[in-house]
Protein backbone atom coordinates (compact mmCIF):
# COMPACT_ATOMS: atom_id res chain seq x y z
CA MET A 1 -23.72 -3.53 3.42
CA LYS A 2 -20.49 -5.64 2.41
CA HIS A 3 -20.20 -2.41 -0.05
CA ARG A 4 -20.61 0.05 2.55
CA LEU A 5 -17.81 -1.22 4.51
CA THR A 6 -15.46 -1.69 1.74
CA VAL A 7 -15.62 1.69 1.08
CA GLY A 8 -15.45 2.94 4.90
CA ILE A 9 -12.26 1.46 4.59
CA GLY A 10 -11.63 2.78 1.88
CA ILE A 11 -11.86 6.22 3.30
CA VAL A 12 -10.26 5.71 6.54
CA VAL A 13 -7.08 4.29 4.87
CA SER A 14 -6.84 7.01 2.49
CA ILE A 15 -7.05 9.40 4.99
CA ALA A 16 -4.63 7.40 7.37
CA LEU A 17 -1.80 7.66 4.51
CA LEU A 18 -2.86 11.06 3.60
CA LEU A 19 -1.63 12.36 7.02
CA TYR A 20 1.06 10.16 6.75
CA ALA A 21 2.21 11.38 3.35
CA LEU A 22 1.44 15.46 4.81
CA ARG A 23 3.43 15.24 8.01
CA ASP A 24 5.81 17.59 8.98
CA VAL A 25 5.22 19.37 5.79
CA SER A 26 4.02 22.77 5.73
CA ALA A 27 0.79 24.12 3.18
CA ALA A 28 3.48 26.87 2.46
CA GLU A 29 6.28 25.06 1.66
CA LEU A 30 3.73 22.72 -0.70
CA LEU A 31 2.90 25.88 -2.61
CA GLU A 32 5.87 27.14 -2.73
CA HIS A 33 7.25 24.25 -4.72
CA ILE A 34 4.18 23.96 -6.73
CA ARG A 35 4.69 27.41 -7.99
CA GLU A 36 8.06 26.73 -9.00
CA ALA A 37 7.26 23.29 -10.88
CA ASN A 38 7.93 23.50 -14.69
CA LEU A 39 4.30 23.37 -16.17
CA TRP A 40 5.86 22.23 -19.67
CA TRP A 41 7.65 19.09 -18.10
CA LEU A 42 4.76 18.55 -16.27
CA LEU A 43 2.52 18.45 -19.19
CA VAL A 44 4.73 15.99 -21.11
CA ALA A 45 4.56 13.96 -18.17
CA THR A 46 0.83 13.74 -18.48
CA GLY A 47 0.74 13.09 -22.19
CA VAL A 48 3.48 10.42 -21.83
CA ALA A 49 1.38 8.79 -19.01
CA THR A 50 -1.79 9.28 -21.08
CA PHE A 51 -0.21 7.20 -24.16
CA THR A 52 0.42 4.22 -21.70
CA PHE A 53 -3.90 3.73 -21.92
CA VAL A 54 -2.76 3.51 -25.71
CA LEU A 55 -0.43 0.79 -25.41
CA ARG A 56 -2.80 -0.91 -22.64
CA ALA A 57 -4.88 -1.34 -25.80
CA VAL A 58 -2.54 -2.76 -27.94
CA ARG A 59 -1.29 -5.53 -25.45
CA TRP A 60 -4.89 -6.18 -24.96
CA ARG A 61 -5.11 -7.53 -28.53
CA VAL A 62 -2.81 -10.00 -27.20
CA LEU A 63 -4.62 -11.30 -24.46
CA LEU A 64 -7.95 -11.38 -25.99
CA LEU A 65 -7.15 -13.07 -29.67
CA PRO A 66 -6.52 -16.33 -28.25
CA ALA A 67 -9.90 -16.55 -26.70
CA ALA A 68 -12.32 -13.50 -28.76
CA GLY A 69 -10.51 -13.10 -31.83
CA ASP A 70 -9.68 -9.79 -33.23
CA ILE A 71 -11.33 -7.03 -31.41
CA ALA A 72 -11.47 -3.75 -33.21
CA TYR A 73 -8.86 -1.08 -31.63
CA SER A 74 -11.40 1.51 -30.93
CA SER A 75 -13.74 -0.80 -28.52
CA ARG A 76 -10.57 -1.95 -26.72
CA PHE A 77 -9.12 1.50 -25.86
CA ALA A 78 -12.45 3.00 -25.39
CA THR A 79 -13.07 0.42 -22.56
CA VAL A 80 -9.48 0.68 -21.49
CA CYS A 81 -10.45 4.47 -20.55
CA ILE A 82 -13.75 3.32 -18.84
CA GLY A 83 -12.20 0.77 -17.01
CA PHE A 84 -9.68 3.64 -15.75
CA MET A 85 -11.81 6.39 -15.03
CA ALA A 86 -14.36 4.35 -13.26
CA ASN A 87 -11.89 3.41 -10.47
CA ASN A 88 -10.95 7.00 -10.89
CA VAL A 89 -14.41 8.59 -9.62
CA LEU A 90 -16.49 5.35 -8.21
CA PRO A 91 -15.68 3.32 -5.20
CA ALA A 92 -14.74 -0.33 -4.79
CA ARG A 93 -12.32 -0.21 -7.53
CA LEU A 94 -14.61 -1.22 -9.89
CA GLY A 95 -12.72 -1.08 -13.00
CA GLU A 96 -11.96 -4.27 -14.17
CA PHE A 97 -15.77 -5.00 -13.95
CA ALA A 98 -16.79 -1.79 -15.47
CA ARG A 99 -13.71 -2.44 -18.35
CA ALA A 100 -14.94 -6.08 -19.17
CA TYR A 101 -18.54 -5.51 -18.87
CA SER A 102 -18.40 -2.12 -21.61
CA LEU A 103 -16.19 -4.61 -24.13
CA SER A 104 -19.44 -7.54 -23.57
CA ARG A 105 -21.68 -4.38 -24.34
CA ILE A 106 -20.26 -3.34 -28.09
CA GLU A 107 -18.32 -6.47 -29.22
CA PRO A 108 -19.06 -10.18 -29.24
CA VAL A 109 -17.09 -10.68 -25.89
CA THR A 110 -18.03 -12.77 -22.90
CA VAL A 111 -17.31 -11.00 -19.97
CA SER A 112 -15.70 -14.08 -18.32
CA THR A 113 -13.39 -14.17 -20.96
CA ALA A 114 -12.73 -10.39 -20.69
CA LEU A 115 -12.39 -10.89 -17.16
CA ALA A 116 -9.98 -13.82 -17.39
CA SER A 117 -7.72 -11.78 -19.92
CA LEU A 118 -7.56 -8.96 -17.50
CA VAL A 119 -6.96 -11.67 -14.43
CA VAL A 120 -3.68 -12.36 -16.82
CA GLU A 121 -2.87 -8.75 -17.24
CA ARG A 122 -2.81 -7.88 -13.46
CA LEU A 123 -0.78 -10.97 -13.24
CA LEU A 124 1.96 -9.72 -16.25
CA ASP A 125 2.03 -5.78 -14.68
CA ALA A 126 3.07 -7.52 -11.35
CA LEU A 127 5.45 -9.81 -12.75
CA VAL A 128 7.03 -6.70 -14.69
CA LEU A 129 6.81 -4.02 -11.83
CA MET A 130 8.99 -6.82 -9.91
CA THR A 131 11.47 -6.56 -11.97
CA PHE A 132 11.40 -3.15 -12.36
CA ILE A 133 12.86 -3.05 -8.41
CA ILE A 134 16.21 -4.79 -9.83
CA PRO A 135 17.83 -1.26 -10.85
CA ALA A 136 17.27 0.50 -7.69
CA TYR A 137 18.60 -2.90 -5.44
CA LEU A 138 21.22 -2.99 -7.81
CA LEU A 139 22.41 0.94 -7.15
CA GLY A 140 22.02 0.27 -3.59
CA VAL A 141 18.60 1.98 -3.03
CA ALA A 142 16.42 -0.65 -2.54
CA ASP A 143 17.17 -3.79 -0.61
CA VAL A 144 15.12 -6.54 -1.09
CA THR A 145 17.46 -9.22 0.22
CA GLY A 146 18.56 -7.77 3.58
CA PRO A 147 16.23 -7.45 6.72
CA GLY A 148 13.51 -5.35 6.50
CA PRO A 149 9.82 -4.54 5.28
CA LEU A 150 10.84 -4.25 1.67
CA ARG A 151 12.26 -7.58 1.76
CA SER A 152 8.91 -8.92 3.34
CA VAL A 153 6.47 -7.16 0.69
CA PHE A 154 8.87 -8.58 -2.21
CA ILE A 155 8.62 -12.10 -1.05
CA VAL A 156 4.53 -11.81 -0.70
CA LEU A 157 4.39 -10.61 -3.65
CA ILE A 158 6.85 -13.48 -5.77
CA VAL A 159 4.82 -16.07 -3.67
CA PHE A 160 1.35 -14.53 -4.98
CA VAL A 161 2.63 -13.66 -8.07
CA SER A 162 3.99 -16.94 -8.83
CA LEU A 163 1.16 -19.07 -8.02
CA GLY A 164 -1.27 -16.89 -10.05
CA LEU A 165 0.39 -17.75 -12.87
CA VAL A 166 0.65 -21.57 -11.86
CA THR A 167 -2.97 -21.72 -11.11
CA ALA A 168 -3.87 -20.04 -14.45
CA ALA A 169 -1.32 -22.13 -16.37
CA ALA A 170 -2.90 -25.53 -14.44
CA MET A 171 -6.27 -24.32 -15.70
CA VAL A 172 -5.54 -23.88 -19.42
CA ARG A 173 -3.36 -27.05 -20.03
CA ILE A 174 -5.39 -29.74 -17.84
CA PRO A 175 -8.96 -27.70 -17.74
CA GLY A 176 -10.65 -31.38 -17.75
CA PRO A 177 -9.48 -32.38 -14.62
CA ILE A 178 -10.00 -29.02 -12.71
CA LEU A 179 -13.60 -28.45 -14.11
CA ARG A 180 -14.24 -32.24 -13.25
CA PHE A 181 -13.00 -31.90 -9.68
CA VAL A 182 -14.96 -28.14 -9.30
CA GLU A 183 -18.02 -30.05 -10.73
CA LYS A 184 -17.82 -32.74 -8.35
CA TRP A 185 -17.56 -30.87 -5.15
CA SER A 186 -19.57 -27.96 -6.33
CA HIS A 187 -22.62 -30.89 -6.51
CA ARG A 188 -21.77 -32.13 -3.03
CA LEU A 189 -21.26 -28.99 -1.50
CA GLY A 190 -24.24 -26.65 -2.71
CA PRO A 191 -27.54 -26.45 -4.71
CA GLU A 192 -27.42 -28.16 -8.15
CA ARG A 193 -28.26 -24.67 -10.14
CA LEU A 194 -25.71 -22.55 -8.17
CA ALA A 195 -22.97 -25.79 -9.16
CA ASP A 196 -24.15 -25.36 -13.05
CA ARG A 197 -23.85 -21.93 -13.16
CA LEU A 198 -19.83 -22.42 -11.09
CA THR A 199 -19.20 -25.16 -13.67
CA ARG A 200 -20.08 -22.65 -16.52
CA LEU A 201 -18.32 -19.89 -15.23
CA LEU A 202 -15.41 -21.40 -14.51
CA ALA A 203 -15.00 -23.36 -18.04
CA SER A 204 -15.80 -19.81 -19.78
CA PHE A 205 -12.89 -18.38 -17.32
CA ILE A 206 -10.40 -20.90 -18.54
CA GLY A 207 -11.53 -19.86 -22.11
CA GLY A 208 -10.51 -16.72 -21.60
CA LEU A 209 -6.97 -17.50 -20.28
CA GLY A 210 -5.85 -17.98 -24.00
CA ALA A 211 -2.98 -15.98 -23.69
CA LEU A 212 -1.42 -18.51 -21.08
CA ARG A 213 -1.56 -21.59 -23.47
CA HIS A 214 0.82 -20.90 -25.95
CA GLY A 215 4.72 -19.57 -25.38
CA HIS A 216 4.81 -17.16 -27.93
CA VAL A 217 1.43 -15.42 -26.73
CA PHE A 218 2.46 -14.94 -23.26
CA ILE A 219 6.03 -13.77 -24.47
CA ARG A 220 4.29 -11.26 -26.70
CA ALA A 221 1.59 -10.17 -24.04
CA LEU A 222 4.67 -10.27 -21.32
CA SER A 223 6.85 -7.89 -24.31
CA TRP A 224 3.95 -5.22 -24.46
CA SER A 225 3.71 -5.11 -20.53
CA VAL A 226 7.32 -4.40 -20.77
CA ILE A 227 6.67 -1.57 -22.80
CA VAL A 228 3.71 -0.25 -20.82
CA TRP A 229 5.40 0.06 -17.94
CA ALA A 230 8.58 1.47 -19.37
CA ASN A 231 6.58 3.85 -20.76
CA ASN A 232 4.95 4.67 -17.81
CA ALA A 233 8.37 5.05 -15.50
CA LEU A 234 9.44 7.41 -18.12
CA SER A 235 6.15 9.81 -17.37
CA PHE A 236 7.31 9.26 -13.67
CA TYR A 237 10.84 10.50 -14.33
CA LEU A 238 9.39 13.70 -16.68
CA GLY A 239 7.48 14.28 -13.27
CA PHE A 240 10.32 14.27 -11.31
CA LEU A 241 12.19 16.90 -13.57
CA ALA A 242 9.07 19.27 -13.44
CA PHE A 243 9.49 19.51 -9.73
CA GLY A 244 13.18 19.48 -9.48
CA ILE A 245 13.58 15.54 -8.44
CA ASP A 246 16.92 14.95 -10.52
CA SER A 247 18.44 12.27 -8.13
CA PRO A 248 16.60 9.25 -8.25
CA GLY A 249 16.90 8.95 -12.28
CA ILE A 250 15.19 6.67 -14.39
CA PRO A 251 15.81 3.60 -11.92
CA GLY A 252 14.43 6.18 -9.21
CA ALA A 253 11.23 6.20 -11.33
CA MET A 254 10.63 2.68 -12.15
CA LEU A 255 11.10 1.99 -8.46
CA THR A 256 8.66 4.69 -7.45
CA GLN A 257 6.07 3.14 -9.95
CA THR A 258 6.52 -0.06 -8.56
CA VAL A 259 5.66 1.23 -5.17
CA ILE A 260 2.99 3.04 -6.13
CA GLY A 261 1.69 0.46 -8.20
CA PHE A 262 1.22 -2.07 -5.35
CA ALA A 263 0.18 0.38 -2.94
CA VAL A 264 -2.80 1.65 -4.91
CA ALA A 265 -4.17 -2.03 -4.63
CA ILE A 266 -4.56 -1.43 -1.06
CA PRO A 267 -9.07 -0.70 -0.25
CA SER A 268 -8.99 3.14 -0.63
CA THR A 269 -10.72 6.13 -1.83
CA PRO A 270 -11.50 6.54 -5.73
CA GLY A 271 -8.43 7.64 -7.83
CA PHE A 272 -6.37 6.39 -4.78
CA PHE A 273 -5.54 9.49 -2.97
CA GLY A 274 -3.44 8.59 -0.11
CA PRO A 275 -1.51 5.51 -1.02
CA PHE A 276 0.02 7.44 -4.13
CA GLU A 277 1.31 10.22 -1.73
CA ALA A 278 2.11 8.03 0.95
CA ALA A 279 4.16 5.43 -1.42
CA ALA A 280 5.67 8.20 -3.55
CA ARG A 281 6.88 9.61 0.06
CA VAL A 282 8.19 6.29 1.69
CA THR A 283 10.26 5.56 -2.09
CA LEU A 284 11.75 9.05 -2.55
CA GLU A 285 12.62 9.83 0.98
CA LEU A 286 15.14 6.52 0.26
CA TYR A 287 16.97 9.55 -2.03
CA ASP A 288 16.88 12.00 0.45
CA ILE A 289 14.81 14.35 -1.29
CA ALA A 290 13.02 16.91 0.49
CA PRO A 291 9.32 15.68 2.21
CA ALA A 292 7.62 19.23 1.05
CA ARG A 293 9.05 18.61 -2.79
CA ILE A 294 8.09 14.79 -2.76
CA VAL A 295 4.87 15.58 -1.53
CA SER A 296 4.52 18.87 -4.13
CA PHE A 297 5.45 15.90 -6.98
CA ALA A 298 2.80 13.46 -5.62
CA ALA A 299 -0.14 15.80 -5.58
CA GLY A 300 0.93 17.53 -9.42
CA TYR A 301 1.95 14.49 -11.08
CA HIS A 302 -1.24 12.54 -9.96
CA ILE A 303 -4.01 15.09 -10.31
CA THR A 304 -2.47 15.85 -14.08
CA THR A 305 -2.22 12.70 -14.80
CA PHE A 306 -5.64 11.68 -13.26
CA ILE A 307 -7.69 14.25 -15.71
CA PRO A 308 -7.23 13.17 -19.41
CA VAL A 309 -7.90 9.08 -19.09
CA THR A 310 -10.91 10.25 -16.67
CA VAL A 311 -12.34 12.75 -19.25
CA LEU A 312 -11.84 9.81 -21.78
CA GLY A 313 -13.42 7.43 -20.22
CA ILE A 314 -16.11 9.63 -19.79
CA TRP A 315 -16.69 10.57 -23.50
CA TYR A 316 -16.07 7.39 -24.38
CA MET A 317 -19.30 5.92 -22.17
CA ARG A 318 -21.53 8.80 -23.10
CA LYS A 319 -20.54 8.11 -26.69
CA LEU A 320 -21.19 4.24 -26.56
CA GLY A 321 -24.92 4.93 -24.55
CA ILE A 322 -23.59 3.13 -21.21
CA SER A 323 -25.04 4.86 -18.71
CA ARG A 324 -23.29 5.51 -14.87
CA ASP A 325 -25.67 3.12 -13.51
CA GLU A 326 -24.34 0.37 -15.27
CA ILE A 327 -20.45 1.56 -14.88
CA GLY A 328 -21.64 1.38 -11.22
CA HIS A 329 -23.61 -1.67 -11.02
CA SER A 330 -21.00 -3.50 -13.34
CA GLU A 331 -19.83 -5.72 -10.76
CA GLU A 332 -23.76 -7.21 -10.17
CA LEU A 333 -24.00 -7.04 -14.16
CA VAL A 334 -20.95 -8.81 -14.63
CA GLU A 335 -22.37 -12.08 -12.05
CA GLU A 336 -26.27 -11.61 -13.57
CA ALA A 337 -24.70 -11.77 -17.20
CA VAL A 338 -22.69 -15.25 -16.24
CA GLN A 339 -25.64 -16.30 -14.34
CA VAL A 340 -27.66 -16.50 -17.65
CA GLY A 341 -25.18 -17.87 -19.85
CA ASP A 342 -22.60 -15.17 -19.72
CA GLY A 343 -23.43 -13.52 -22.85
């Protein structure tokens, strides 16, 4: 029931945001801009965007190394592709679960350790994306200090990311007291078996937060995060050029991917169709770009960059013998693995 409700909400949100993005845009204008697009620039943008997944696999080594050892690059890249493919074609944002489960299937890594590394990865992503707003702010395009919705969103993000990093760091620095506290109150409030499972899960999860244990590891992971998102911003800029959007430049590409990056976190259909296009329109209208040109860019860039990682994910899933049913139920499989000892 909960799963169906989440899917239903995602469909409604996606339709509403698509309608918002397409308002006052005629089909004729949209098709005209798509026909006029420079295919070569779009192909280069797609290649650069796909290279981001190569960089993500490199960064994941830094996050996994302290707790899981040196996992083969081929395994990391394969499961990165599987995870993003799952987000693109399956409801309920199963990507992180699919990625953690797939890695645990082919390498000696517990699912909770893999998930913990992905929690750190998401926090680093959010931290870097927030800093990418700064160039647009300095140029007077995006005001994150004055009154308005952008300032409110920015403050919420700062609080959320800060709390996440502080909580994760506390788990790493003082795991003993935290585990004893959770064990004590879980036994008081719930069945003993469930309390034992919760404590075991938390202990394994804390072990997976190894990237926060040492400052130099965290800095390396953060540096790779900057590289990941700088490369992705370049792909957005090249996508702009494909559709004749010149004025935003690199700062505009950084701002656009930031707004889109946070927008696709809300419930939506697989592939984030709706939030992606609406976020692109909201951002690029700050640069006085015509709505039809914005939507043509958003649709063209979104679809062309959607295809390669989806195809790679399906190919790796079949190559590694992981079924669609396993990926579709990866959240439940992760929970089951933890309950029987996380392994």
